[in-house]
Amino acid sequence: MLMLPPSVRIFVAGQPTDLRCGFDALAEATRQVLRQDPFLCSLTESCKRHDIDPWAYLKDVLLRIETQPPGTLAELLPHNWKAARERERSTASGP
């Protein structure tokens, strides 16, 4: 189970949600809502457009958002996030 910092809030539109149920249950609730209301698929579609796994993106952004310096939230947008992860991978793999 993924433990989120207390300052991170998750809202699933369309139904009451018990936030004590853990990340997996919240992810499943989110999947159900997205299946029911295509207008909430913006995040998913943005990720697909940039060839990103939406759930990996959401998990990573939720972990990073609390420590992200002010004024740099644009780095967490899907296209910027993907470029940063690719740079991290190429740096980690070395020459």
N, C-alpha and C. Protein backbone atom coordinates (compact mmCIF):
# COMPACT_ATOMS: atom_id res chain seq x y z
N MET A 1 0.84 -1.17 0.00
CA MET A 1 0.00 0.00 0.00
C MET A 1 0.89 1.24 0.00
N LEU A 2 0.46 2.24 -0.73
CA LEU A 2 1.17 3.51 -0.80
C LEU A 2 0.67 4.42 0.31
N MET A 3 1.58 4.92 1.13
CA MET A 3 1.20 5.85 2.20
C MET A 3 1.48 7.26 1.72
N LEU A 4 0.46 8.08 1.71
CA LEU A 4 0.60 9.46 1.28
C LEU A 4 0.78 10.36 2.49
N PRO A 5 1.50 11.46 2.33
CA PRO A 5 1.65 12.41 3.42
C PRO A 5 0.29 12.99 3.79
N PRO A 6 0.10 13.36 5.06
CA PRO A 6 -1.20 13.88 5.51
C PRO A 6 -1.67 15.12 4.76
N SER A 7 -0.76 15.88 4.19
CA SER A 7 -1.16 17.11 3.50
C SER A 7 -1.73 16.85 2.11
N VAL A 8 -1.57 15.63 1.58
CA VAL A 8 -2.09 15.30 0.26
C VAL A 8 -3.54 14.89 0.41
N ARG A 9 -4.38 15.52 -0.38
CA ARG A 9 -5.81 15.22 -0.35
C ARG A 9 -6.21 14.59 -1.67
N ILE A 10 -7.02 13.54 -1.60
CA ILE A 10 -7.51 12.87 -2.80
C ILE A 10 -9.02 13.01 -2.81
N PHE A 11 -9.55 13.46 -3.93
CA PHE A 11 -10.98 13.58 -4.07
C PHE A 11 -11.41 12.79 -5.29
N VAL A 12 -12.39 11.93 -5.09
CA VAL A 12 -12.95 11.18 -6.19
C VAL A 12 -14.34 11.73 -6.40
N ALA A 13 -14.52 12.40 -7.52
CA ALA A 13 -15.80 13.03 -7.82
C ALA A 13 -16.84 11.97 -8.14
N GLY A 14 -18.03 12.20 -7.67
CA GLY A 14 -19.12 11.32 -8.04
C GLY A 14 -19.59 10.39 -6.95
N GLN A 15 -18.82 10.23 -5.90
CA GLN A 15 -19.27 9.35 -4.83
C GLN A 15 -18.52 9.68 -3.55
N PRO A 16 -19.16 9.45 -2.41
CA PRO A 16 -18.43 9.63 -1.15
C PRO A 16 -17.29 8.61 -1.08
N THR A 17 -16.17 9.01 -0.54
CA THR A 17 -15.00 8.14 -0.50
C THR A 17 -14.38 8.17 0.89
N ASP A 18 -14.13 7.00 1.42
CA ASP A 18 -13.44 6.89 2.71
C ASP A 18 -11.95 6.89 2.41
N LEU A 19 -11.27 7.98 2.76
CA LEU A 19 -9.85 8.12 2.43
C LEU A 19 -8.96 7.20 3.27
N ARG A 20 -9.53 6.52 4.24
CA ARG A 20 -8.73 5.58 5.03
C ARG A 20 -8.59 4.23 4.35
N CYS A 21 -9.18 4.06 3.19
CA CYS A 21 -9.20 2.75 2.54
C CYS A 21 -7.90 2.41 1.83
N GLY A 22 -6.98 3.35 1.69
CA GLY A 22 -5.69 3.05 1.08
C GLY A 22 -5.67 3.38 -0.41
N PHE A 23 -4.45 3.42 -0.93
CA PHE A 23 -4.24 3.86 -2.32
C PHE A 23 -4.90 2.92 -3.32
N ASP A 24 -4.80 1.62 -3.12
CA ASP A 24 -5.36 0.68 -4.09
C ASP A 24 -6.88 0.83 -4.20
N ALA A 25 -7.54 0.97 -3.06
CA ALA A 25 -8.99 1.14 -3.09
C ALA A 25 -9.37 2.49 -3.70
N LEU A 26 -8.58 3.52 -3.41
CA LEU A 26 -8.83 4.83 -4.02
C LEU A 26 -8.62 4.77 -5.52
N ALA A 27 -7.58 4.06 -5.95
CA ALA A 27 -7.33 3.92 -7.38
C ALA A 27 -8.49 3.20 -8.06
N GLU A 28 -9.00 2.16 -7.44
CA GLU A 28 -10.13 1.43 -8.02
C GLU A 28 -11.38 2.31 -8.07
N ALA A 29 -11.62 3.08 -7.01
CA ALA A 29 -12.77 4.00 -7.01
C ALA A 29 -12.62 5.02 -8.13
N THR A 30 -11.41 5.51 -8.33
CA THR A 30 -11.16 6.48 -9.40
C THR A 30 -11.40 5.84 -10.76
N ARG A 31 -10.93 4.61 -10.94
CA ARG A 31 -11.17 3.90 -12.21
C ARG A 31 -12.66 3.78 -12.50
N GLN A 32 -13.44 3.44 -11.47
CA GLN A 32 -14.88 3.29 -11.65
C GLN A 32 -15.53 4.60 -12.05
N VAL A 33 -15.13 5.68 -11.40
CA VAL A 33 -15.70 6.99 -11.73
C VAL A 33 -15.33 7.39 -13.15
N LEU A 34 -14.07 7.15 -13.53
CA LEU A 34 -13.63 7.52 -14.88
C LEU A 34 -14.38 6.72 -15.95
N ARG A 35 -14.70 5.47 -15.64
CA ARG A 35 -15.47 4.67 -16.59
C ARG A 35 -16.88 5.23 -16.76
N GLN A 36 -17.44 5.79 -15.67
CA GLN A 36 -18.81 6.28 -15.70
C GLN A 36 -18.92 7.67 -16.32
N ASP A 37 -17.90 8.51 -16.18
CA ASP A 37 -17.99 9.90 -16.64
C ASP A 37 -16.79 10.26 -17.50
N PRO A 38 -16.96 10.24 -18.81
CA PRO A 38 -15.83 10.48 -19.70
C PRO A 38 -15.22 11.87 -19.57
N PHE A 39 -15.94 12.83 -19.02
CA PHE A 39 -15.38 14.17 -18.86
C PHE A 39 -14.28 14.21 -17.81
N LEU A 40 -14.24 13.21 -16.95
CA LEU A 40 -13.19 13.14 -15.93
C LEU A 40 -11.95 12.41 -16.44
N CYS A 41 -11.95 12.07 -17.71
CA CYS A 41 -10.83 11.32 -18.28
C CYS A 41 -9.70 12.21 -18.76
N SER A 42 -9.72 13.47 -18.44
CA SER A 42 -8.71 14.40 -18.93
C SER A 42 -7.30 13.94 -18.58
N LEU A 43 -7.07 13.55 -17.35
CA LEU A 43 -5.75 13.09 -16.93
C LEU A 43 -5.34 11.85 -17.72
N THR A 44 -6.25 10.91 -17.82
CA THR A 44 -5.96 9.67 -18.53
C THR A 44 -5.64 9.95 -20.00
N GLU A 45 -6.41 10.80 -20.62
CA GLU A 45 -6.18 11.10 -22.03
C GLU A 45 -4.89 11.87 -22.24
N SER A 46 -4.57 12.78 -21.34
CA SER A 46 -3.29 13.51 -21.45
C SER A 46 -2.12 12.54 -21.37
N CYS A 47 -2.24 11.58 -20.46
CA CYS A 47 -1.17 10.58 -20.33
C CYS A 47 -1.07 9.72 -21.58
N LYS A 48 -2.19 9.29 -22.09
CA LYS A 48 -2.17 8.47 -23.31
C LYS A 48 -1.54 9.23 -24.47
N ARG A 49 -1.87 10.52 -24.57
CA ARG A 49 -1.34 11.34 -25.66
C ARG A 49 0.18 11.40 -25.61
N HIS A 50 0.74 11.32 -24.41
CA HIS A 50 2.20 11.40 -24.24
C HIS A 50 2.83 10.03 -23.97
N ASP A 51 2.05 8.97 -24.20
CA ASP A 51 2.53 7.59 -24.03
C ASP A 51 3.05 7.36 -22.61
N ILE A 52 2.21 7.71 -21.62
CA ILE A 52 2.54 7.56 -20.21
C ILE A 52 1.49 6.67 -19.56
N ASP A 53 1.91 5.79 -18.67
CA ASP A 53 0.98 4.99 -17.88
C ASP A 53 0.30 5.93 -16.89
N PRO A 54 -1.02 6.16 -17.01
CA PRO A 54 -1.69 7.14 -16.14
C PRO A 54 -1.56 6.84 -14.66
N TRP A 55 -1.60 5.58 -14.28
CA TRP A 55 -1.55 5.25 -12.85
C TRP A 55 -0.14 5.44 -12.31
N ALA A 56 0.87 5.13 -13.10
CA ALA A 56 2.25 5.38 -12.66
C ALA A 56 2.48 6.89 -12.53
N TYR A 57 1.94 7.65 -13.47
CA TYR A 57 2.06 9.10 -13.43
C TYR A 57 1.39 9.67 -12.18
N LEU A 58 0.14 9.26 -11.95
CA LEU A 58 -0.61 9.78 -10.80
C LEU A 58 0.09 9.44 -9.49
N LYS A 59 0.55 8.21 -9.36
CA LYS A 59 1.24 7.78 -8.15
C LYS A 59 2.50 8.62 -7.92
N ASP A 60 3.29 8.81 -8.98
CA ASP A 60 4.53 9.57 -8.86
C ASP A 60 4.24 11.03 -8.52
N VAL A 61 3.26 11.63 -9.18
CA VAL A 61 2.94 13.03 -8.92
C VAL A 61 2.43 13.21 -7.49
N LEU A 62 1.61 12.28 -7.01
CA LEU A 62 1.13 12.39 -5.63
C LEU A 62 2.28 12.31 -4.63
N LEU A 63 3.29 11.54 -4.95
CA LEU A 63 4.45 11.44 -4.06
C LEU A 63 5.33 12.70 -4.13
N ARG A 64 5.42 13.31 -5.30
CA ARG A 64 6.30 14.46 -5.50
C ARG A 64 5.69 15.80 -5.15
N ILE A 65 4.37 15.90 -5.21
CA ILE A 65 3.74 17.22 -5.16
C ILE A 65 4.00 17.97 -3.85
N GLU A 66 4.10 17.26 -2.77
CA GLU A 66 4.31 17.92 -1.48
C GLU A 66 5.70 18.56 -1.38
N THR A 67 6.68 17.97 -2.02
CA THR A 67 8.05 18.49 -1.94
C THR A 67 8.44 19.32 -3.16
N GLN A 68 7.53 19.47 -4.09
CA GLN A 68 7.82 20.24 -5.30
C GLN A 68 7.97 21.72 -4.92
N PRO A 69 9.07 22.35 -5.30
CA PRO A 69 9.26 23.76 -4.97
C PRO A 69 8.18 24.64 -5.60
N PRO A 70 7.77 25.70 -4.89
CA PRO A 70 6.77 26.61 -5.45
C PRO A 70 7.25 27.16 -6.80
N GLY A 71 6.32 27.32 -7.70
CA GLY A 71 6.66 27.85 -9.01
C GLY A 71 7.16 26.81 -10.00
N THR A 72 7.25 25.55 -9.56
CA THR A 72 7.74 24.51 -10.47
C THR A 72 6.70 23.42 -10.71
N LEU A 73 5.44 23.69 -10.38
CA LEU A 73 4.41 22.68 -10.57
C LEU A 73 4.22 22.29 -12.03
N ALA A 74 4.58 23.18 -12.95
CA ALA A 74 4.47 22.85 -14.38
C ALA A 74 5.34 21.65 -14.74
N GLU A 75 6.37 21.40 -13.94
CA GLU A 75 7.23 20.23 -14.18
C GLU A 75 6.47 18.92 -14.00
N LEU A 76 5.33 18.98 -13.30
CA LEU A 76 4.55 17.77 -13.06
C LEU A 76 3.47 17.54 -14.12
N LEU A 77 3.36 18.44 -15.10
CA LEU A 77 2.44 18.20 -16.21
C LEU A 77 2.94 17.02 -17.02
N PRO A 78 2.03 16.23 -17.61
CA PRO A 78 2.46 14.98 -18.26
C PRO A 78 3.64 15.10 -19.22
N HIS A 79 3.63 16.08 -20.13
CA HIS A 79 4.73 16.15 -21.10
C HIS A 79 6.06 16.51 -20.44
N ASN A 80 6.03 17.38 -19.43
CA ASN A 80 7.25 17.73 -18.71
C ASN A 80 7.70 16.58 -17.81
N TRP A 81 6.75 15.90 -17.20
CA TRP A 81 7.03 14.77 -16.31
C TRP A 81 7.73 13.66 -17.09
N LYS A 82 7.23 13.37 -18.29
CA LYS A 82 7.82 12.30 -19.09
C LYS A 82 9.26 12.65 -19.46
N ALA A 83 9.50 13.88 -19.88
CA ALA A 83 10.85 14.29 -20.27
C ALA A 83 11.81 14.18 -19.07
N ALA A 84 11.34 14.58 -17.89
CA ALA A 84 12.18 14.50 -16.69
C ALA A 84 12.49 13.04 -16.34
N ARG A 85 11.51 12.14 -16.46
CA ARG A 85 11.76 10.72 -16.15
C ARG A 85 12.74 10.14 -17.16
N GLU A 86 12.64 10.54 -18.43
CA GLU A 86 13.57 10.04 -19.44
C GLU A 86 14.99 10.53 -19.15
N ARG A 87 15.12 11.78 -18.72
CA ARG A 87 16.44 12.29 -18.34
C ARG A 87 16.99 11.53 -17.15
N GLU A 88 16.14 11.25 -16.17
CA GLU A 88 16.58 10.49 -14.98
C GLU A 88 17.07 9.10 -15.40
N ARG A 89 16.35 8.45 -16.29
CA ARG A 89 16.74 7.12 -16.74
C ARG A 89 18.07 7.13 -17.49
N SER A 90 18.25 8.12 -18.35
CA SER A 90 19.50 8.17 -19.13
C SER A 90 20.67 8.53 -18.22
N THR A 91 20.43 9.35 -17.20
CA THR A 91 21.49 9.69 -16.24
C THR A 91 21.85 8.46 -15.39
N ALA A 92 20.83 7.71 -14.99
CA ALA A 92 21.05 6.53 -14.15
C ALA A 92 21.76 5.42 -14.92
N SER A 93 21.48 5.31 -16.22
CA SER A 93 22.10 4.24 -17.00
C SER A 93 23.56 4.56 -17.33
N GLY A 94 23.91 5.84 -17.24
CA GLY A 94 25.31 6.24 -17.46
C GLY A 94 25.69 6.23 -18.93
N PRO A 95 26.98 6.50 -19.20
CA PRO A 95 27.45 6.57 -20.58
C PRO A 95 27.53 5.22 -21.26
